[in-house]
């Protein structure tokens, strides 16, 4: 079976660091966490580590909202639940100024969210993508993946970068790096 964006690339990338982070989030029992997640996040001193954790959370959150409340880019009848979840996350993350990076804006479409997640994950995983210790089939899957990611670059690079510098930090920092990989 040929890989496509609809495959979510999970089979190919499931052992890479970004997918391990998403697995951790999948295994959190949010019902029992209550305020503990935000309290722990607010005490992290390393701001870059906090930002990275928040970016993973954002992409995980958007991905789960899209799976549960959307059919492609079309909203299911219970989209109000999705809006309320965005409001809850926004309220919780606004409690501490240290975690404003986690703010999840209810804008864009699931297709946009997915592309941004793919770009984020590529930047996190690119150094692990190698055909040298991979089977021929896996190498072909990597090539398809990188080719797909490459198709996303021009539009986002034009929007986010100017001469290799990130110019739209608020909107692009969570998924795009301009420093050339």
Protein backbone atom coordinates (compact mmCIF):
# COMPACT_ATOMS: atom_id res chain seq x y z
CA UNK A 1 0.00 0.00 0.00
CA UNK A 2 1.37 3.39 -0.94
CA UNK A 3 1.69 5.88 1.85
CA UNK A 4 -0.29 9.07 1.75
CA UNK A 5 -1.07 11.90 4.16
CA UNK A 6 -4.27 10.01 4.99
CA UNK A 7 -2.15 7.20 6.44
CA UNK A 8 -0.92 9.68 9.05
CA UNK A 9 2.56 8.21 8.56
CA UNK A 10 2.22 6.44 11.91
CA UNK A 11 3.45 3.09 10.62
CA UNK A 12 6.62 4.67 9.27
CA UNK A 13 7.36 7.04 12.13
CA UNK A 14 5.96 5.28 15.19
CA UNK A 15 9.41 4.62 16.69
CA UNK A 16 10.62 8.18 16.30
CA UNK A 17 10.82 10.63 19.24
CA UNK A 18 7.77 12.72 18.32
CA UNK A 19 5.49 9.70 18.27
CA UNK A 20 6.82 8.59 21.66
CA UNK A 21 5.76 12.00 23.00
CA UNK A 22 2.26 11.57 21.57
CA UNK A 23 2.04 8.10 23.11
CA UNK A 24 2.82 9.63 26.52
CA UNK A 25 -0.05 12.09 26.03
CA UNK A 26 -2.35 9.28 24.89
CA UNK A 27 -1.65 7.50 28.16
CA UNK A 28 -2.36 10.42 30.50
CA UNK A 29 -5.57 10.02 32.49
CA UNK A 30 -6.71 13.63 32.22
CA UNK A 31 -9.81 12.98 34.34
CA UNK A 32 -7.60 12.20 37.34
CA UNK A 33 -4.99 14.87 36.66
CA UNK A 34 -7.22 17.88 37.36
CA UNK A 35 -4.87 20.84 37.94
CA UNK A 36 -1.70 18.79 38.33
CA UNK A 37 -0.72 19.01 34.67
CA UNK A 38 -0.77 22.77 34.63
CA UNK A 39 0.94 23.04 38.01
CA UNK A 40 3.78 20.82 36.83
CA UNK A 41 4.12 22.67 33.55
CA UNK A 42 4.28 26.00 35.35
CA UNK A 43 7.22 24.89 37.47
CA UNK A 44 9.47 23.90 34.58
CA UNK A 45 12.43 26.27 34.49
CA UNK A 46 13.77 25.41 31.06
CA UNK A 47 11.60 27.60 28.82
CA UNK A 48 12.65 25.82 25.60
CA UNK A 49 11.76 22.44 27.09
CA UNK A 50 8.43 23.89 28.17
CA UNK A 51 7.79 25.28 24.68
CA UNK A 52 8.60 21.93 23.08
CA UNK A 53 6.28 20.09 25.47
CA UNK A 54 3.55 22.59 24.73
CA UNK A 55 3.98 22.19 20.98
CA UNK A 56 3.58 18.44 21.33
CA UNK A 57 0.47 19.02 23.42
CA UNK A 58 -0.99 21.43 20.85
CA UNK A 59 -0.48 19.04 17.95
CA UNK A 60 -1.79 16.09 19.97
CA UNK A 61 -4.84 18.12 21.06
CA UNK A 62 -5.66 19.34 17.54
CA UNK A 63 -5.19 15.83 16.13
CA UNK A 64 -7.58 14.34 18.68
CA UNK A 65 -10.18 17.08 18.16
CA UNK A 66 -10.02 16.49 14.40
CA UNK A 67 -10.43 12.73 14.78
CA UNK A 68 -13.37 12.99 17.15
CA UNK A 69 -15.31 16.06 15.98
CA UNK A 70 -14.56 16.42 12.26
CA UNK A 71 -15.09 14.42 9.10
CA UNK A 72 -12.27 15.74 6.94
CA UNK A 73 -12.73 19.50 7.23
CA UNK A 74 -16.46 19.20 7.92
CA UNK A 75 -17.63 19.68 11.49
CA UNK A 76 -19.80 16.95 13.00
CA UNK A 77 -23.07 17.95 14.65
CA UNK A 78 -21.44 18.06 18.11
CA UNK A 79 -18.79 20.64 17.20
CA UNK A 80 -19.85 22.72 20.21
CA UNK A 81 -18.14 20.14 22.39
CA UNK A 82 -14.92 20.75 20.45
CA UNK A 83 -15.30 24.51 20.95
CA UNK A 84 -15.82 23.97 24.69
CA UNK A 85 -12.70 21.81 24.86
CA UNK A 86 -10.70 24.59 23.20
CA UNK A 87 -12.11 27.03 25.76
CA UNK A 88 -11.20 24.73 28.66
CA UNK A 89 -7.62 24.30 27.42
CA UNK A 90 -7.33 28.06 26.87
CA UNK A 91 -8.58 28.75 30.39
CA UNK A 92 -6.21 26.23 31.97
CA UNK A 93 -3.17 27.39 30.04
CA UNK A 94 -3.81 31.06 30.73
CA UNK A 95 -3.46 30.43 34.49
CA UNK A 96 0.32 30.72 34.23
CA UNK A 97 2.21 33.11 31.98
CA UNK A 98 4.89 30.43 31.60
CA UNK A 99 2.53 28.22 29.64
CA UNK A 100 1.02 30.71 27.22
CA UNK A 101 2.89 28.74 24.55
CA UNK A 102 0.25 26.01 25.05
CA UNK A 103 -2.62 28.27 24.09
CA UNK A 104 -4.76 26.39 21.56
CA UNK A 105 -6.60 28.77 19.23
CA UNK A 106 -9.83 27.45 17.70
CA UNK A 107 -8.93 28.53 14.19
CA UNK A 108 -7.88 26.87 10.98
CA UNK A 109 -9.08 23.52 9.74
CA UNK A 110 -8.18 19.92 10.54
CA UNK A 111 -6.29 19.76 7.25
CA UNK A 112 -4.16 22.75 8.32
CA UNK A 113 -3.66 21.26 11.79
CA UNK A 114 -2.52 17.96 10.28
CA UNK A 115 -0.03 19.63 7.92
CA UNK A 116 1.39 21.69 10.78
CA UNK A 117 1.72 18.55 12.91
CA UNK A 118 3.52 16.77 10.06
CA UNK A 119 5.95 19.67 9.69
CA UNK A 120 6.55 19.87 13.45
CA UNK A 121 7.20 16.14 13.60
CA UNK A 122 9.53 16.27 10.60
CA UNK A 123 11.68 18.92 12.26
CA UNK A 124 11.79 16.81 15.44
CA UNK A 125 12.50 13.51 13.63
CA UNK A 126 14.52 14.39 10.52
CA UNK A 127 17.86 13.32 12.00
CA UNK A 128 16.46 9.81 12.60
CA UNK A 129 15.32 9.30 9.01
CA UNK A 130 17.98 7.19 7.37
CA UNK A 131 18.02 4.47 4.77
CA UNK A 132 21.44 3.17 5.77
CA UNK A 133 20.10 0.78 8.44
CA UNK A 134 16.63 0.29 6.96
CA UNK A 135 15.01 -2.24 4.69
CA UNK A 136 14.38 -1.33 1.07
CA UNK A 137 10.63 -1.02 1.79
CA UNK A 138 11.21 1.21 4.81
CA UNK A 139 13.61 3.36 2.80
CA UNK A 140 10.97 3.80 0.09
CA UNK A 141 8.47 4.82 2.78
CA UNK A 142 10.94 7.39 4.11
CA UNK A 143 11.38 8.76 0.60
CA UNK A 144 7.60 9.07 0.18
CA UNK A 145 7.35 10.77 3.57
CA UNK A 146 10.13 13.28 2.88
CA UNK A 147 8.68 13.96 -0.58
CA UNK A 148 5.30 14.71 0.98
CA UNK A 149 6.88 16.96 3.65
CA UNK A 150 8.84 18.73 0.92
CA UNK A 151 5.55 19.55 -0.82
CA UNK A 152 4.41 21.43 2.31
CA UNK A 153 7.53 23.58 2.60
CA UNK A 154 7.13 26.31 -0.04
CA UNK A 155 3.82 27.72 1.20
CA UNK A 156 4.78 27.59 4.87
CA UNK A 157 8.28 28.89 4.25
CA UNK A 158 6.85 31.90 2.38
CA UNK A 159 4.44 32.55 5.24
CA UNK A 160 6.84 31.97 8.14
CA UNK A 161 10.34 32.94 7.01
CA UNK A 162 12.26 35.85 5.60
CA UNK A 163 15.86 35.13 4.59
CA UNK A 164 16.10 32.19 6.98
CA UNK A 165 14.58 34.02 9.97
CA UNK A 166 11.25 33.14 11.56
CA UNK A 167 8.98 36.18 11.12
CA UNK A 168 5.62 34.81 12.32
CA UNK A 169 6.61 33.39 15.71
CA UNK A 170 3.12 33.38 17.19
CA UNK A 171 1.70 31.34 14.33
CA UNK A 172 4.67 29.39 12.98
CA UNK A 173 7.05 28.59 15.83
CA UNK A 174 5.07 25.54 16.94
CA UNK A 175 5.62 23.75 13.63
CA UNK A 176 8.25 25.40 11.43
CA UNK A 177 11.96 26.15 11.59
CA UNK A 178 13.55 28.53 9.13
CA UNK A 179 17.19 27.75 9.81
CA UNK A 180 17.45 25.24 6.97
CA UNK A 181 17.61 21.56 7.71
